[in-house]
Amino acid sequence: MSLEITIDADSATAPYEQLHRQIALEAREGRLPVGYKLPTVRGLAEQLGLAANTVAKAYRALEADGVIETRGRHGSFVAAGDARAREVAAAATAYVERTRRLGLDQQAARAAVEEALRAAYGDPRG
């Protein structure tokens, strides 16, 4: 098994974010199993033609999201646990922080979520 990542240099999305998203998706969908050892920061940077700092930033974000764990000199590994649930919790927390900064109360924040869910999934009432 090998990690296959593609970075689109023409994308408006930053390379570290592209890397973060792709590794998170691979882990969440089980294509990178729990315990899979990721390439070293330097090794992956060379493979992808990126700066080592770019890969390190993506790895730090993945670790903060609970997708990977770093074991010092032993390397970085896909973490055990439900990475998907952690990602959803992080998104919900970010949403709450954003709505508070915008001055919305809980009722308005919930209404916005309900409207977005109806738009994405259809009206559950019929």
Protein backbone atom coordinates (compact mmCIF):
# COMPACT_ATOMS: atom_id res chain seq x y z
CA MET A 1 0.00 0.00 0.00
CA SER A 2 1.28 3.43 -0.83
CA LEU A 3 0.08 6.94 -0.23
CA GLU A 4 -0.98 8.55 -3.50
CA ILE A 5 -1.38 12.30 -3.26
CA THR A 6 -1.83 14.75 -6.10
CA ILE A 7 -1.18 18.45 -5.59
CA ASP A 8 -2.74 20.80 -8.13
CA ALA A 9 -0.39 23.77 -8.41
CA ASP A 10 -3.08 25.73 -10.29
CA SER A 11 -5.71 25.27 -7.58
CA ALA A 12 -6.88 28.18 -5.44
CA THR A 13 -6.61 25.78 -2.48
CA ALA A 14 -3.25 25.95 -0.71
CA PRO A 15 -1.02 22.88 -1.16
CA TYR A 16 -0.95 22.11 2.58
CA GLU A 17 -4.77 22.13 2.60
CA GLN A 18 -4.93 19.86 -0.45
CA LEU A 19 -2.55 17.46 1.31
CA HIS A 20 -4.55 17.66 4.55
CA ARG A 21 -7.85 16.96 2.79
CA GLN A 22 -6.53 14.04 0.77
CA ILE A 23 -4.89 12.26 3.71
CA ALA A 24 -7.96 12.85 5.91
CA LEU A 25 -10.24 11.44 3.20
CA GLU A 26 -8.01 8.39 2.67
CA ALA A 27 -8.00 7.70 6.42
CA ARG A 28 -11.73 8.34 6.88
CA GLU A 29 -12.65 6.00 4.01
CA GLY A 30 -10.31 3.28 5.25
CA ARG A 31 -7.89 3.35 2.32
CA LEU A 32 -5.23 4.26 4.88
CA PRO A 33 -5.80 1.81 7.72
CA VAL A 34 -5.26 2.59 11.39
CA GLY A 35 -1.56 2.32 12.13
CA TYR A 36 -0.43 3.05 8.56
CA LYS A 37 2.94 4.80 8.73
CA LEU A 38 3.00 8.01 6.73
CA PRO A 39 6.11 9.08 4.85
CA THR A 40 8.49 11.39 6.67
CA VAL A 41 7.87 15.10 6.23
CA ARG A 42 11.05 15.48 4.23
CA GLY A 43 10.36 12.37 2.14
CA LEU A 44 6.82 13.38 1.22
CA ALA A 45 7.94 16.94 0.49
CA GLU A 46 10.52 15.62 -1.97
CA GLN A 47 8.02 13.22 -3.53
CA LEU A 48 5.45 15.98 -4.08
CA GLY A 49 7.86 18.79 -4.91
CA LEU A 50 6.75 20.82 -1.89
CA ALA A 51 8.62 22.62 0.85
CA ALA A 52 9.10 20.54 4.00
CA ASN A 53 7.32 23.26 5.99
CA THR A 54 4.22 22.80 3.82
CA VAL A 55 4.05 19.07 4.59
CA ALA A 56 4.81 19.71 8.26
CA LYS A 57 1.93 22.19 8.43
CA ALA A 58 -0.45 19.62 6.93
CA TYR A 59 0.76 16.94 9.36
CA ARG A 60 0.26 19.30 12.32
CA ALA A 61 -3.30 20.05 11.16
CA LEU A 62 -4.01 16.33 10.70
CA GLU A 63 -2.69 15.63 14.17
CA ALA A 64 -4.81 18.44 15.65
CA ASP A 65 -7.85 16.90 13.92
CA GLY A 66 -7.03 13.49 15.38
CA VAL A 67 -6.49 11.89 11.99
CA ILE A 68 -2.84 11.05 12.61
CA GLU A 69 -0.59 10.70 15.62
CA THR A 70 3.10 11.44 15.74
CA ARG A 71 5.28 9.14 17.78
CA GLY A 72 8.45 11.18 17.98
CA ARG A 73 11.31 9.69 16.00
CA HIS A 74 9.18 6.69 15.07
CA GLY A 75 7.11 8.75 12.66
CA SER A 76 3.50 9.66 11.99
CA PHE A 77 0.71 7.09 11.80
CA VAL A 78 -3.00 7.03 10.99
CA ALA A 79 -4.68 7.32 14.39
CA ALA A 80 -7.09 4.86 15.91
CA GLY A 81 -10.61 5.98 16.56
CA ASP A 82 -13.29 7.58 14.50
CA ALA A 83 -11.55 10.28 12.47
CA ARG A 84 -14.84 11.11 10.78
CA ALA A 85 -16.56 11.91 14.09
CA ARG A 86 -13.62 14.08 15.12
CA GLU A 87 -13.76 15.94 11.81
CA VAL A 88 -17.50 16.58 12.22
CA ALA A 89 -16.97 17.80 15.79
CA ALA A 90 -14.23 20.16 14.61
CA ALA A 91 -16.48 21.53 11.87
CA ALA A 92 -19.34 22.04 14.33
CA THR A 93 -17.05 23.85 16.76
CA ALA A 94 -15.76 26.10 13.99
CA TYR A 95 -19.34 26.86 12.94
CA VAL A 96 -20.35 27.81 16.48
CA GLU A 97 -17.32 30.06 16.88
CA ARG A 98 -18.07 31.76 13.56
CA THR A 99 -21.75 32.35 14.33
CA ARG A 100 -20.87 33.81 17.73
CA ARG A 101 -18.37 36.19 16.09
CA LEU A 102 -21.13 37.23 13.69
CA GLY A 103 -23.45 37.92 16.60
CA LEU A 104 -26.02 35.20 15.94
CA ASP A 105 -27.91 33.69 18.86
CA GLN A 106 -28.44 29.92 19.21
CA GLN A 107 -31.84 30.01 17.54
CA ALA A 108 -30.51 31.84 14.47
CA ALA A 109 -27.47 29.52 14.26
CA ARG A 110 -29.71 26.43 14.43
CA ALA A 111 -32.05 27.88 11.80
CA ALA A 112 -29.12 28.41 9.44
CA VAL A 113 -28.03 24.79 9.90
CA GLU A 114 -31.56 23.50 9.32
CA GLU A 115 -31.86 25.55 6.13
CA ALA A 116 -28.49 24.27 4.86
CA LEU A 117 -29.52 20.68 5.65
CA ARG A 118 -32.83 21.10 3.80
CA ALA A 119 -30.96 22.54 0.81
CA ALA A 120 -28.46 19.68 0.80
CA TYR A 121 -30.73 16.74 1.65
CA GLY A 122 -34.23 17.93 0.85
CA ASP A 123 -37.11 18.59 3.22
CA PRO A 124 -37.52 15.56 5.52
CA ARG A 125 -41.21 16.34 5.93
CA GLY A 126 -42.11 15.47 2.50
